[in-house]
Amino acid sequence: MNENTNTQPVTAQATGYRPKLSYYHANAKGTGSAISFELHPAHSSPEGNVEGSIFVSFANQKTVGVRNGSETVFPSFDWKNRIVLRLTMSDITQMLMVFRGMQESVCDGKGLFHRSSRYNTVIKFDHRIEPYPGYTLEVYRKSFDGTDQQHAFISFSQAEAVGLSLAIEQSMGVIAFGIPELRARSASAAAEASLPLKMAAGAESLSDIAEVDPF
C-alpha cells in the first residue's frame, strides 16, 4: 500500500535532463490510450529528504483520427480526466521483476494497491503471451463513496517493453539518490588532491605530509 500523495514536481538540476517518456496507442475504435512516465529524482528539502519516484499519467482516447486526402487530424486523448499514479521504488522493483521474468504479474496477479485521501487504486502489470507477446498495464480507481470510477488499459509490444524497462532501470540511481551535484573546488584543493601523498603518523598540516616515492 502506498499512502504518500506528494505530487510536487522536482526541478531538473542537470543540463539535458529529459524527465518524461510517453507512449500513444490510438485505434480506429476510439478505445486506445496514452501513457506518460515522468521521473522525479530523490532530493532534500527544508522538511527533510524526499523519496524519488516515477509519476505515471494515464489518458484514455478521446477522438478518432481522420485522414482526408492531404489533411490529417490526429487522435486526441483525455488528459483532463487523466489518472495520475506515483510509483515508489518498491512499486517499480515489482514491475522490474516482471520485466526480468522473475514473476509473470505484479504481486502474483493481485496488483499494487494505492490509497489516497479520496481513492483506492489497483495497478496490474502482466506479461502476456496471447493474443501476442508483450506486457499490459491496467489501472482501476474508485472513490470511497463509489461515485467516481476510472479504468485505463495499455499494452506494450516486446520492443516497447525493452526500451521502457531499460529506461526505468537506468532511472533507479536517481530515484534512490537524486541527481549528483557538481561542486567546483578551489585551485589549492584540486592541486592537493592531485599529488601522490601519504600521511605520516601524527601529521597535522601540509608541511607534515611527505610526497610518495612512486618507485
N, C-alpha and C. Protein backbone atom coordinates (compact mmCIF):
# COMPACT_ATOMS: atom_id res chain seq x y z
N MET A 1 0.85 -1.19 0.00
CA MET A 1 0.00 0.00 0.00
C MET A 1 0.88 1.23 0.00
N ASN A 2 0.46 2.24 -0.77
CA ASN A 2 1.22 3.48 -0.84
C ASN A 2 0.30 4.63 -0.49
N GLU A 3 0.57 5.29 0.63
CA GLU A 3 -0.29 6.38 1.07
C GLU A 3 0.33 7.74 0.86
N ASN A 4 1.54 7.78 0.23
CA ASN A 4 2.21 9.05 0.00
C ASN A 4 1.56 9.75 -1.18
N THR A 5 1.00 10.91 -0.95
CA THR A 5 0.28 11.62 -2.01
C THR A 5 0.99 12.89 -2.43
N ASN A 6 2.28 13.00 -2.13
CA ASN A 6 3.04 14.17 -2.52
C ASN A 6 3.15 14.24 -4.03
N THR A 7 2.61 15.29 -4.65
CA THR A 7 2.62 15.41 -6.10
C THR A 7 3.40 16.62 -6.58
N GLN A 8 4.28 17.15 -5.73
CA GLN A 8 5.05 18.32 -6.11
C GLN A 8 6.19 17.91 -7.03
N PRO A 9 6.33 18.54 -8.23
CA PRO A 9 7.40 18.17 -9.15
C PRO A 9 8.76 18.60 -8.64
N VAL A 10 9.79 17.94 -9.12
CA VAL A 10 11.16 18.26 -8.75
C VAL A 10 11.82 18.96 -9.93
N THR A 11 12.47 20.08 -9.68
CA THR A 11 13.14 20.82 -10.74
C THR A 11 14.40 20.09 -11.18
N ALA A 12 14.56 19.94 -12.49
CA ALA A 12 15.74 19.26 -13.01
C ALA A 12 16.99 20.06 -12.68
N GLN A 13 18.07 19.35 -12.30
CA GLN A 13 19.29 20.01 -11.88
C GLN A 13 20.44 19.78 -12.85
N ALA A 14 20.21 19.02 -13.90
CA ALA A 14 21.30 18.69 -14.81
C ALA A 14 20.95 19.14 -16.23
N THR A 15 21.94 19.64 -16.96
CA THR A 15 21.74 20.07 -18.33
C THR A 15 21.38 18.88 -19.20
N GLY A 16 20.37 19.03 -20.05
CA GLY A 16 19.97 17.95 -20.93
C GLY A 16 19.08 16.92 -20.26
N TYR A 17 18.63 17.16 -19.08
CA TYR A 17 17.78 16.22 -18.34
C TYR A 17 16.41 16.14 -18.99
N ARG A 18 15.98 14.92 -19.36
CA ARG A 18 14.69 14.71 -20.03
C ARG A 18 13.86 13.79 -19.14
N PRO A 19 12.95 14.36 -18.36
CA PRO A 19 12.29 13.56 -17.34
C PRO A 19 11.08 12.77 -17.79
N LYS A 20 10.62 12.90 -19.04
CA LYS A 20 9.34 12.31 -19.42
C LYS A 20 9.47 11.40 -20.64
N LEU A 21 8.77 10.26 -20.59
CA LEU A 21 8.71 9.31 -21.70
C LEU A 21 7.26 8.95 -21.91
N SER A 22 6.76 9.08 -23.16
CA SER A 22 5.34 8.87 -23.43
C SER A 22 5.12 7.84 -24.54
N TYR A 23 3.97 7.16 -24.46
CA TYR A 23 3.53 6.22 -25.48
C TYR A 23 2.08 6.56 -25.84
N TYR A 24 1.79 6.58 -27.15
CA TYR A 24 0.44 6.89 -27.63
C TYR A 24 -0.07 5.71 -28.46
N HIS A 25 -1.15 5.09 -27.99
CA HIS A 25 -1.72 3.93 -28.67
C HIS A 25 -3.18 4.21 -29.00
N ALA A 26 -3.41 4.87 -30.11
CA ALA A 26 -4.77 5.14 -30.56
C ALA A 26 -5.21 4.03 -31.50
N ASN A 27 -6.52 3.86 -31.65
CA ASN A 27 -7.04 2.90 -32.62
C ASN A 27 -8.30 3.46 -33.28
N ALA A 28 -8.76 2.76 -34.31
CA ALA A 28 -9.90 3.24 -35.10
C ALA A 28 -11.22 3.16 -34.33
N LYS A 29 -11.27 2.38 -33.26
CA LYS A 29 -12.50 2.26 -32.47
C LYS A 29 -12.63 3.35 -31.40
N GLY A 30 -11.54 4.07 -31.17
CA GLY A 30 -11.56 5.10 -30.14
C GLY A 30 -11.40 4.56 -28.74
N THR A 31 -10.88 3.33 -28.63
CA THR A 31 -10.72 2.70 -27.32
C THR A 31 -9.26 2.61 -26.89
N GLY A 32 -8.39 3.37 -27.54
CA GLY A 32 -6.98 3.34 -27.20
C GLY A 32 -6.67 4.17 -25.96
N SER A 33 -5.38 4.37 -25.74
CA SER A 33 -4.95 5.14 -24.56
C SER A 33 -3.55 5.67 -24.78
N ALA A 34 -3.17 6.57 -23.90
CA ALA A 34 -1.82 7.13 -23.91
C ALA A 34 -1.30 7.12 -22.48
N ILE A 35 0.02 7.03 -22.35
CA ILE A 35 0.61 6.98 -21.02
C ILE A 35 1.92 7.76 -21.02
N SER A 36 2.19 8.41 -19.91
CA SER A 36 3.40 9.20 -19.77
C SER A 36 4.08 8.84 -18.46
N PHE A 37 5.40 8.61 -18.51
CA PHE A 37 6.21 8.31 -17.33
C PHE A 37 7.12 9.51 -17.07
N GLU A 38 7.04 10.06 -15.87
CA GLU A 38 7.83 11.25 -15.53
C GLU A 38 8.69 10.98 -14.30
N LEU A 39 9.98 11.15 -14.46
CA LEU A 39 10.94 10.86 -13.39
C LEU A 39 11.05 12.03 -12.42
N HIS A 40 10.89 11.73 -11.13
CA HIS A 40 11.06 12.72 -10.06
C HIS A 40 12.20 12.24 -9.16
N PRO A 41 13.37 12.82 -9.29
CA PRO A 41 14.53 12.36 -8.52
C PRO A 41 14.35 12.57 -7.01
N ALA A 42 15.03 11.76 -6.25
CA ALA A 42 15.09 11.99 -4.80
C ALA A 42 15.79 13.32 -4.57
N HIS A 43 15.41 14.01 -3.51
CA HIS A 43 16.03 15.30 -3.21
C HIS A 43 15.80 15.66 -1.75
N SER A 44 16.54 16.62 -1.31
CA SER A 44 16.37 17.11 0.06
C SER A 44 15.57 18.39 0.03
N SER A 45 14.84 18.64 1.11
CA SER A 45 14.02 19.84 1.24
C SER A 45 14.11 20.33 2.67
N PRO A 46 13.61 21.52 2.97
CA PRO A 46 13.63 22.00 4.36
C PRO A 46 12.91 21.07 5.32
N GLU A 47 11.94 20.30 4.80
CA GLU A 47 11.20 19.37 5.65
C GLU A 47 11.91 18.02 5.82
N GLY A 48 12.96 17.80 5.02
CA GLY A 48 13.68 16.53 5.10
C GLY A 48 13.88 15.92 3.73
N ASN A 49 14.37 14.69 3.69
CA ASN A 49 14.62 14.01 2.43
C ASN A 49 13.31 13.53 1.80
N VAL A 50 13.22 13.67 0.47
CA VAL A 50 12.04 13.26 -0.27
C VAL A 50 12.42 12.08 -1.17
N GLU A 51 11.69 10.99 -1.07
CA GLU A 51 11.97 9.79 -1.84
C GLU A 51 11.69 10.04 -3.32
N GLY A 52 12.55 9.53 -4.18
CA GLY A 52 12.34 9.63 -5.62
C GLY A 52 11.21 8.73 -6.08
N SER A 53 10.69 8.99 -7.27
CA SER A 53 9.55 8.21 -7.76
C SER A 53 9.39 8.44 -9.26
N ILE A 54 8.48 7.68 -9.85
CA ILE A 54 8.06 7.90 -11.22
C ILE A 54 6.56 8.17 -11.20
N PHE A 55 6.16 9.32 -11.75
CA PHE A 55 4.74 9.64 -11.86
C PHE A 55 4.23 9.13 -13.20
N VAL A 56 3.11 8.44 -13.18
CA VAL A 56 2.51 7.89 -14.38
C VAL A 56 1.18 8.59 -14.63
N SER A 57 1.00 9.15 -15.82
CA SER A 57 -0.26 9.78 -16.22
C SER A 57 -0.89 8.95 -17.31
N PHE A 58 -2.13 8.54 -17.10
CA PHE A 58 -2.86 7.63 -17.97
C PHE A 58 -4.05 8.37 -18.56
N ALA A 59 -4.21 8.40 -19.88
CA ALA A 59 -5.35 9.06 -20.51
C ALA A 59 -5.99 8.14 -21.55
N ASN A 60 -7.28 8.02 -21.49
CA ASN A 60 -8.00 7.23 -22.49
C ASN A 60 -8.18 8.04 -23.77
N GLN A 61 -8.35 7.35 -24.89
CA GLN A 61 -8.53 8.02 -26.16
C GLN A 61 -9.84 8.79 -26.18
N LYS A 62 -9.79 10.01 -26.72
CA LYS A 62 -10.97 10.88 -26.74
C LYS A 62 -11.62 10.94 -28.12
N THR A 63 -10.81 11.10 -29.16
CA THR A 63 -11.34 11.17 -30.51
C THR A 63 -10.55 10.27 -31.45
N VAL A 64 -11.19 9.90 -32.55
CA VAL A 64 -10.55 9.06 -33.57
C VAL A 64 -9.93 9.95 -34.62
N GLY A 65 -8.75 9.62 -35.05
CA GLY A 65 -8.09 10.41 -36.08
C GLY A 65 -8.79 10.28 -37.42
N VAL A 66 -8.62 11.29 -38.26
CA VAL A 66 -9.24 11.32 -39.59
C VAL A 66 -8.19 11.69 -40.62
N ARG A 67 -8.17 10.94 -41.72
CA ARG A 67 -7.27 11.26 -42.83
C ARG A 67 -8.11 11.48 -44.07
N ASN A 68 -8.10 12.70 -44.55
CA ASN A 68 -8.91 13.06 -45.71
C ASN A 68 -8.01 13.72 -46.74
N GLY A 69 -7.53 12.90 -47.68
CA GLY A 69 -6.61 13.41 -48.68
C GLY A 69 -5.32 13.86 -48.05
N SER A 70 -4.97 15.11 -48.27
CA SER A 70 -3.73 15.65 -47.71
C SER A 70 -3.91 16.16 -46.29
N GLU A 71 -5.16 16.19 -45.81
CA GLU A 71 -5.43 16.70 -44.47
C GLU A 71 -5.52 15.54 -43.47
N THR A 72 -4.79 15.68 -42.38
CA THR A 72 -4.78 14.65 -41.34
C THR A 72 -5.11 15.26 -39.99
N VAL A 73 -6.10 14.67 -39.32
CA VAL A 73 -6.43 15.08 -37.95
C VAL A 73 -6.04 13.92 -37.04
N PHE A 74 -5.11 14.18 -36.14
CA PHE A 74 -4.61 13.12 -35.29
C PHE A 74 -5.58 12.83 -34.14
N PRO A 75 -5.56 11.61 -33.64
CA PRO A 75 -6.41 11.27 -32.48
C PRO A 75 -6.03 12.12 -31.28
N SER A 76 -6.98 12.33 -30.39
CA SER A 76 -6.71 13.08 -29.17
C SER A 76 -7.00 12.20 -27.95
N PHE A 77 -6.46 12.62 -26.82
CA PHE A 77 -6.59 11.84 -25.59
C PHE A 77 -7.10 12.74 -24.46
N ASP A 78 -7.83 12.14 -23.55
CA ASP A 78 -8.50 12.89 -22.49
C ASP A 78 -7.56 13.12 -21.30
N TRP A 79 -6.58 14.01 -21.51
CA TRP A 79 -5.62 14.29 -20.45
C TRP A 79 -6.26 15.05 -19.29
N LYS A 80 -7.38 15.76 -19.56
CA LYS A 80 -8.04 16.50 -18.49
C LYS A 80 -8.53 15.56 -17.39
N ASN A 81 -9.00 14.38 -17.79
CA ASN A 81 -9.50 13.39 -16.83
C ASN A 81 -8.52 12.23 -16.65
N ARG A 82 -7.25 12.54 -16.74
CA ARG A 82 -6.22 11.51 -16.64
C ARG A 82 -6.17 10.89 -15.24
N ILE A 83 -5.63 9.70 -15.19
CA ILE A 83 -5.34 9.05 -13.91
C ILE A 83 -3.85 9.25 -13.63
N VAL A 84 -3.53 9.77 -12.46
CA VAL A 84 -2.13 10.01 -12.10
C VAL A 84 -1.73 9.08 -10.97
N LEU A 85 -0.63 8.38 -11.17
CA LEU A 85 -0.11 7.44 -10.18
C LEU A 85 1.30 7.87 -9.77
N ARG A 86 1.65 7.59 -8.55
CA ARG A 86 3.02 7.82 -8.08
C ARG A 86 3.62 6.47 -7.71
N LEU A 87 4.60 6.03 -8.51
CA LEU A 87 5.25 4.76 -8.28
C LEU A 87 6.54 4.98 -7.49
N THR A 88 6.62 4.38 -6.31
CA THR A 88 7.82 4.48 -5.49
C THR A 88 8.80 3.39 -5.89
N MET A 89 9.96 3.38 -5.27
CA MET A 89 10.95 2.36 -5.58
C MET A 89 10.40 0.95 -5.36
N SER A 90 9.62 0.76 -4.31
CA SER A 90 9.03 -0.55 -4.05
C SER A 90 8.11 -0.98 -5.19
N ASP A 91 7.28 -0.06 -5.69
CA ASP A 91 6.39 -0.37 -6.82
C ASP A 91 7.20 -0.70 -8.07
N ILE A 92 8.21 0.11 -8.33
CA ILE A 92 9.00 -0.04 -9.55
C ILE A 92 9.76 -1.36 -9.56
N THR A 93 10.30 -1.75 -8.42
CA THR A 93 11.03 -3.02 -8.38
C THR A 93 10.09 -4.20 -8.65
N GLN A 94 8.84 -4.10 -8.22
CA GLN A 94 7.86 -5.14 -8.54
C GLN A 94 7.65 -5.25 -10.05
N MET A 95 7.59 -4.11 -10.72
CA MET A 95 7.43 -4.12 -12.18
C MET A 95 8.68 -4.66 -12.87
N LEU A 96 9.86 -4.29 -12.36
CA LEU A 96 11.10 -4.80 -12.96
C LEU A 96 11.21 -6.31 -12.81
N MET A 97 10.66 -6.87 -11.75
CA MET A 97 10.66 -8.32 -11.59
C MET A 97 9.85 -8.99 -12.69
N VAL A 98 8.78 -8.34 -13.15
CA VAL A 98 8.00 -8.87 -14.28
C VAL A 98 8.80 -8.73 -15.57
N PHE A 99 9.41 -7.57 -15.78
CA PHE A 99 10.23 -7.37 -16.98
C PHE A 99 11.36 -8.39 -17.06
N ARG A 100 11.93 -8.75 -15.93
CA ARG A 100 13.07 -9.68 -15.92
C ARG A 100 12.65 -11.14 -15.91
N GLY A 101 11.36 -11.42 -15.90
CA GLY A 101 10.89 -12.80 -15.93
C GLY A 101 10.90 -13.49 -14.58
N MET A 102 11.07 -12.75 -13.51
CA MET A 102 11.08 -13.34 -12.18
C MET A 102 9.67 -13.64 -11.68
N GLN A 103 8.68 -12.98 -12.27
CA GLN A 103 7.28 -13.27 -11.99
C GLN A 103 6.48 -12.85 -13.22
N GLU A 104 5.32 -13.47 -13.42
CA GLU A 104 4.51 -13.19 -14.61
C GLU A 104 3.63 -11.97 -14.42
N SER A 105 3.32 -11.64 -13.20
CA SER A 105 2.48 -10.47 -12.92
C SER A 105 2.84 -9.91 -11.56
N VAL A 106 2.55 -8.64 -11.36
CA VAL A 106 2.88 -7.98 -10.11
C VAL A 106 2.08 -8.59 -8.96
N CYS A 107 2.80 -8.95 -7.89
CA CYS A 107 2.18 -9.50 -6.67
C CYS A 107 1.27 -10.68 -6.99
N ASP A 108 1.75 -11.58 -7.85
CA ASP A 108 1.02 -12.80 -8.20
C ASP A 108 -0.39 -12.51 -8.71
N GLY A 109 -0.51 -11.45 -9.50
CA GLY A 109 -1.79 -11.11 -10.11
C GLY A 109 -2.68 -10.23 -9.27
N LYS A 110 -2.33 -10.03 -8.00
CA LYS A 110 -3.16 -9.18 -7.14
C LYS A 110 -2.98 -7.70 -7.44
N GLY A 111 -1.82 -7.34 -7.98
CA GLY A 111 -1.56 -5.95 -8.32
C GLY A 111 -1.07 -5.13 -7.14
N LEU A 112 -0.71 -3.91 -7.42
CA LEU A 112 -0.29 -2.95 -6.40
C LEU A 112 -1.50 -2.18 -5.91
N PHE A 113 -1.58 -1.95 -4.61
CA PHE A 113 -2.72 -1.24 -4.03
C PHE A 113 -2.26 0.11 -3.49
N HIS A 114 -2.87 1.19 -4.00
CA HIS A 114 -2.57 2.53 -3.53
C HIS A 114 -3.83 3.12 -2.90
N ARG A 115 -3.64 3.84 -1.82
CA ARG A 115 -4.76 4.51 -1.15
C ARG A 115 -4.40 5.97 -0.93
N SER A 116 -5.25 6.86 -1.39
CA SER A 116 -5.05 8.29 -1.21
C SER A 116 -6.16 8.83 -0.32
N SER A 117 -6.26 10.15 -0.24
CA SER A 117 -7.28 10.75 0.61
C SER A 117 -8.69 10.56 0.05
N ARG A 118 -8.79 10.23 -1.25
CA ARG A 118 -10.11 10.09 -1.88
C ARG A 118 -10.34 8.76 -2.58
N TYR A 119 -9.25 8.11 -3.00
CA TYR A 119 -9.41 6.96 -3.87
C TYR A 119 -8.66 5.72 -3.37
N ASN A 120 -9.17 4.57 -3.81
CA ASN A 120 -8.45 3.31 -3.78
C ASN A 120 -8.08 2.97 -5.22
N THR A 121 -6.84 2.60 -5.44
CA THR A 121 -6.37 2.32 -6.79
C THR A 121 -5.65 0.97 -6.83
N VAL A 122 -5.96 0.18 -7.83
CA VAL A 122 -5.29 -1.10 -8.05
C VAL A 122 -4.55 -1.02 -9.38
N ILE A 123 -3.26 -1.36 -9.37
CA ILE A 123 -2.41 -1.30 -10.55
C ILE A 123 -1.95 -2.71 -10.89
N LYS A 124 -2.30 -3.17 -12.08
CA LYS A 124 -1.90 -4.51 -12.50
C LYS A 124 -0.94 -4.41 -13.68
N PHE A 125 0.13 -5.19 -13.59
CA PHE A 125 1.13 -5.22 -14.66
C PHE A 125 1.47 -6.68 -14.93
N ASP A 126 1.24 -7.13 -16.17
CA ASP A 126 1.35 -8.55 -16.50
C ASP A 126 2.17 -8.77 -17.76
N HIS A 127 2.84 -9.91 -17.78
CA HIS A 127 3.48 -10.41 -19.00
C HIS A 127 2.47 -11.28 -19.73
N ARG A 128 2.25 -11.02 -21.01
CA ARG A 128 1.26 -11.75 -21.79
C ARG A 128 1.92 -12.48 -22.97
N ILE A 129 1.35 -13.62 -23.31
CA ILE A 129 1.78 -14.37 -24.49
C ILE A 129 0.73 -14.27 -25.59
N GLU A 130 -0.54 -14.33 -25.21
CA GLU A 130 -1.66 -14.27 -26.14
C GLU A 130 -2.45 -12.97 -25.94
N PRO A 131 -3.03 -12.40 -26.97
CA PRO A 131 -3.01 -12.83 -28.38
C PRO A 131 -1.69 -12.53 -29.08
N TYR A 132 -0.81 -11.75 -28.45
CA TYR A 132 0.53 -11.52 -28.98
C TYR A 132 1.44 -11.23 -27.80
N PRO A 133 2.71 -11.57 -27.90
CA PRO A 133 3.62 -11.39 -26.76
C PRO A 133 3.85 -9.93 -26.44
N GLY A 134 3.90 -9.63 -25.15
CA GLY A 134 4.14 -8.27 -24.70
C GLY A 134 3.76 -8.12 -23.23
N TYR A 135 3.42 -6.92 -22.84
CA TYR A 135 3.09 -6.61 -21.45
C TYR A 135 1.86 -5.70 -21.41
N THR A 136 1.09 -5.80 -20.34
CA THR A 136 -0.09 -4.95 -20.19
C THR A 136 -0.06 -4.26 -18.84
N LEU A 137 -0.49 -3.01 -18.84
CA LEU A 137 -0.62 -2.21 -17.63
C LEU A 137 -2.07 -1.76 -17.53
N GLU A 138 -2.70 -2.07 -16.40
CA GLU A 138 -4.12 -1.77 -16.22
C GLU A 138 -4.34 -1.13 -14.85
N VAL A 139 -5.18 -0.10 -14.82
CA VAL A 139 -5.43 0.65 -13.58
C VAL A 139 -6.93 0.74 -13.33
N TYR A 140 -7.31 0.44 -12.09
CA TYR A 140 -8.69 0.61 -11.63
C TYR A 140 -8.67 1.61 -10.46
N ARG A 141 -9.49 2.63 -10.56
CA ARG A 141 -9.55 3.62 -9.49
C ARG A 141 -11.01 3.87 -9.10
N LYS A 142 -11.26 3.91 -7.80
CA LYS A 142 -12.62 4.09 -7.30
C LYS A 142 -12.59 4.99 -6.06
N SER A 143 -13.49 5.97 -6.04
CA SER A 143 -13.59 6.85 -4.89
C SER A 143 -14.23 6.11 -3.73
N PHE A 144 -14.00 6.59 -2.52
CA PHE A 144 -14.52 5.91 -1.33
C PHE A 144 -16.04 5.80 -1.33
N ASP A 145 -16.71 6.83 -1.89
CA ASP A 145 -18.18 6.80 -1.89
C ASP A 145 -18.75 6.09 -3.11
N GLY A 146 -17.86 5.64 -4.02
CA GLY A 146 -18.31 4.88 -5.18
C GLY A 146 -18.87 5.70 -6.31
N THR A 147 -18.86 7.01 -6.21
CA THR A 147 -19.45 7.85 -7.24
C THR A 147 -18.49 8.12 -8.41
N ASP A 148 -17.22 7.92 -8.20
CA ASP A 148 -16.22 8.20 -9.24
C ASP A 148 -15.38 6.96 -9.48
N GLN A 149 -15.50 6.39 -10.68
CA GLN A 149 -14.74 5.20 -11.03
C GLN A 149 -14.02 5.44 -12.36
N GLN A 150 -12.77 5.02 -12.42
CA GLN A 150 -11.98 5.18 -13.63
C GLN A 150 -11.24 3.88 -13.94
N HIS A 151 -11.03 3.67 -15.23
CA HIS A 151 -10.31 2.48 -15.67
C HIS A 151 -9.48 2.85 -16.90
N ALA A 152 -8.26 2.35 -16.96
CA ALA A 152 -7.39 2.59 -18.11
C ALA A 152 -6.55 1.35 -18.37
N PHE A 153 -6.24 1.12 -19.64
CA PHE A 153 -5.50 -0.08 -20.04
C PHE A 153 -4.60 0.27 -21.21
N ILE A 154 -3.39 -0.28 -21.19
CA ILE A 154 -2.48 -0.13 -22.32
C ILE A 154 -1.61 -1.36 -22.42
N SER A 155 -1.26 -1.72 -23.64
CA SER A 155 -0.36 -2.85 -23.86
C SER A 155 0.94 -2.35 -24.49
N PHE A 156 2.03 -3.04 -24.17
CA PHE A 156 3.34 -2.71 -24.72
C PHE A 156 3.86 -3.88 -25.53
N SER A 157 4.34 -3.59 -26.73
CA SER A 157 4.97 -4.64 -27.53
C SER A 157 6.28 -5.05 -26.88
N GLN A 158 6.86 -6.12 -27.36
CA GLN A 158 8.14 -6.56 -26.80
C GLN A 158 9.22 -5.49 -26.99
N ALA A 159 9.23 -4.83 -28.15
CA ALA A 159 10.22 -3.78 -28.40
C ALA A 159 10.01 -2.60 -27.45
N GLU A 160 8.76 -2.19 -27.26
CA GLU A 160 8.47 -1.10 -26.34
C GLU A 160 8.86 -1.48 -24.91
N ALA A 161 8.60 -2.74 -24.55
CA ALA A 161 8.91 -3.20 -23.20
C ALA A 161 10.41 -3.16 -22.93
N VAL A 162 11.22 -3.51 -23.93
CA VAL A 162 12.67 -3.46 -23.77
C VAL A 162 13.12 -2.03 -23.49
N GLY A 163 12.63 -1.10 -24.30
CA GLY A 163 13.00 0.30 -24.10
C GLY A 163 12.54 0.84 -22.76
N LEU A 164 11.29 0.53 -22.38
CA LEU A 164 10.75 1.03 -21.12
C LEU A 164 11.49 0.44 -19.93
N SER A 165 11.75 -0.86 -19.97
CA SER A 165 12.42 -1.49 -18.83
C SER A 165 13.84 -0.95 -18.65
N LEU A 166 14.55 -0.73 -19.75
CA LEU A 166 15.90 -0.18 -19.65
C LEU A 166 15.88 1.26 -19.13
N ALA A 167 14.89 2.04 -19.59
CA ALA A 167 14.78 3.42 -19.12
C ALA A 167 14.51 3.45 -17.62
N ILE A 168 13.63 2.56 -17.15
CA ILE A 168 13.31 2.52 -15.72
C ILE A 168 14.53 2.07 -14.91
N GLU A 169 15.22 1.04 -15.41
CA GLU A 169 16.40 0.56 -14.69
C GLU A 169 17.46 1.65 -14.56
N GLN A 170 17.68 2.39 -15.66
CA GLN A 170 18.68 3.46 -15.62
C GLN A 170 18.27 4.59 -14.69
N SER A 171 16.98 4.69 -14.39
CA SER A 171 16.49 5.76 -13.51
C SER A 171 16.62 5.43 -12.03
N MET A 172 16.90 4.18 -11.71
CA MET A 172 16.86 3.76 -10.31
C MET A 172 17.86 4.50 -9.44
N GLY A 173 19.04 4.80 -9.98
CA GLY A 173 20.04 5.52 -9.19
C GLY A 173 19.56 6.91 -8.81
N VAL A 174 18.88 7.59 -9.76
CA VAL A 174 18.36 8.93 -9.50
C VAL A 174 17.19 8.87 -8.53
N ILE A 175 16.36 7.82 -8.65
CA ILE A 175 15.23 7.65 -7.73
C ILE A 175 15.74 7.40 -6.31
N ALA A 176 16.83 6.67 -6.19
CA ALA A 176 17.37 6.35 -4.87
C ALA A 176 18.17 7.49 -4.26
N PHE A 177 19.03 8.14 -5.07
CA PHE A 177 19.99 9.09 -4.53
C PHE A 177 19.86 10.52 -5.06
N GLY A 178 19.01 10.72 -6.07
CA GLY A 178 18.87 12.05 -6.64
C GLY A 178 19.91 12.31 -7.73
N ILE A 179 19.92 13.54 -8.24
CA ILE A 179 20.86 13.93 -9.28
C ILE A 179 22.13 14.47 -8.63
N PRO A 180 23.28 13.88 -8.92
CA PRO A 180 24.53 14.36 -8.30
C PRO A 180 24.79 15.83 -8.62
N GLU A 181 25.25 16.57 -7.64
CA GLU A 181 25.59 17.97 -7.83
C GLU A 181 27.09 18.10 -8.04
N LEU A 182 27.48 18.85 -9.07
CA LEU A 182 28.89 19.10 -9.34
C LEU A 182 29.30 20.38 -8.61
N ARG A 183 30.27 20.26 -7.73
CA ARG A 183 30.72 21.42 -6.95
C ARG A 183 32.17 21.75 -7.30
N ALA A 184 32.42 23.00 -7.64
CA ALA A 184 33.77 23.43 -8.02
C ALA A 184 34.67 23.45 -6.79
N ARG A 185 35.92 22.98 -6.97
CA ARG A 185 36.89 23.02 -5.89
C ARG A 185 37.88 24.15 -6.12
N SER A 186 38.43 24.65 -5.06
CA SER A 186 39.42 25.70 -5.18
C SER A 186 40.68 25.14 -5.83
N ALA A 187 41.51 26.03 -6.40
CA ALA A 187 42.73 25.60 -7.07
C ALA A 187 43.66 24.86 -6.10
N SER A 188 43.75 25.34 -4.87
CA SER A 188 44.64 24.71 -3.90
C SER A 188 44.14 23.31 -3.52
N ALA A 189 42.81 23.17 -3.42
CA ALA A 189 42.25 21.86 -3.08
C ALA A 189 42.44 20.88 -4.21
N ALA A 190 42.27 21.35 -5.46
CA ALA A 190 42.46 20.48 -6.62
C ALA A 190 43.90 20.04 -6.74
N ALA A 191 44.84 21.00 -6.50
CA ALA A 191 46.27 20.66 -6.59
C ALA A 191 46.65 19.68 -5.50
N GLU A 192 46.12 19.89 -4.33
CA GLU A 192 46.41 19.00 -3.20
C GLU A 192 45.92 17.58 -3.48
N ALA A 193 44.71 17.48 -4.09
CA ALA A 193 44.13 16.16 -4.35
C ALA A 193 44.88 15.43 -5.45
N SER A 194 45.58 16.17 -6.35
CA SER A 194 46.28 15.55 -7.48
C SER A 194 47.65 15.02 -7.10
N LEU A 195 48.20 15.42 -5.93
CA LEU A 195 49.52 14.97 -5.52
C LEU A 195 49.47 13.57 -4.92
N PRO A 196 50.43 12.70 -5.30
CA PRO A 196 50.50 11.38 -4.67
C PRO A 196 51.13 11.51 -3.29
N LEU A 197 50.29 11.62 -2.25
CA LEU A 197 50.79 11.88 -0.91
C LEU A 197 50.48 10.73 0.03
N LYS A 198 51.26 10.65 1.09
CA LYS A 198 50.95 9.73 2.16
C LYS A 198 51.07 10.48 3.49
N MET A 199 50.17 10.20 4.39
CA MET A 199 50.13 10.90 5.67
C MET A 199 51.04 10.19 6.66
N ALA A 200 52.00 10.94 7.19
CA ALA A 200 52.88 10.38 8.21
C ALA A 200 52.14 10.34 9.53
N ALA A 201 52.59 9.48 10.39
CA ALA A 201 51.94 9.37 11.70
C ALA A 201 52.05 10.69 12.44
N GLY A 202 50.92 11.21 12.91
CA GLY A 202 50.89 12.44 13.67
C GLY A 202 50.91 13.71 12.84
N ALA A 203 50.84 13.59 11.47
CA ALA A 203 50.85 14.78 10.63
C ALA A 203 49.57 15.56 10.82
N GLU A 204 49.68 16.89 10.92
CA GLU A 204 48.52 17.74 11.14
C GLU A 204 48.36 18.81 10.07
N SER A 205 49.33 18.98 9.19
CA SER A 205 49.24 20.01 8.16
C SER A 205 50.00 19.55 6.94
N LEU A 206 49.92 20.36 5.84
CA LEU A 206 50.62 20.00 4.61
C LEU A 206 52.13 19.94 4.82
N SER A 207 52.63 20.74 5.74
CA SER A 207 54.07 20.72 5.98
C SER A 207 54.52 19.41 6.59
N ASP A 208 53.58 18.67 7.18
CA ASP A 208 53.92 17.38 7.81
C ASP A 208 53.68 16.21 6.88
N ILE A 209 53.26 16.50 5.60
CA ILE A 209 52.94 15.42 4.67
C ILE A 209 54.10 15.27 3.69
N ALA A 210 54.53 14.05 3.47
CA ALA A 210 55.64 13.79 2.56
C ALA A 210 55.11 13.21 1.26
N GLU A 211 55.74 13.59 0.14
CA GLU A 211 55.33 13.08 -1.16
C GLU A 211 55.76 11.62 -1.29
N VAL A 212 54.90 10.83 -1.87
CA VAL A 212 55.18 9.40 -2.02
C VAL A 212 56.16 9.18 -3.16
N ASP A 213 57.14 8.36 -2.93
CA ASP A 213 58.07 7.97 -3.99
C ASP A 213 57.41 6.91 -4.83
N PRO A 214 57.21 7.19 -6.15
CA PRO A 214 56.49 6.23 -6.99
C PRO A 214 57.27 4.98 -7.29
N PHE A 215 58.56 4.95 -6.93
CA PHE A 215 59.37 3.77 -7.26
C PHE A 215 59.71 3.01 -5.98
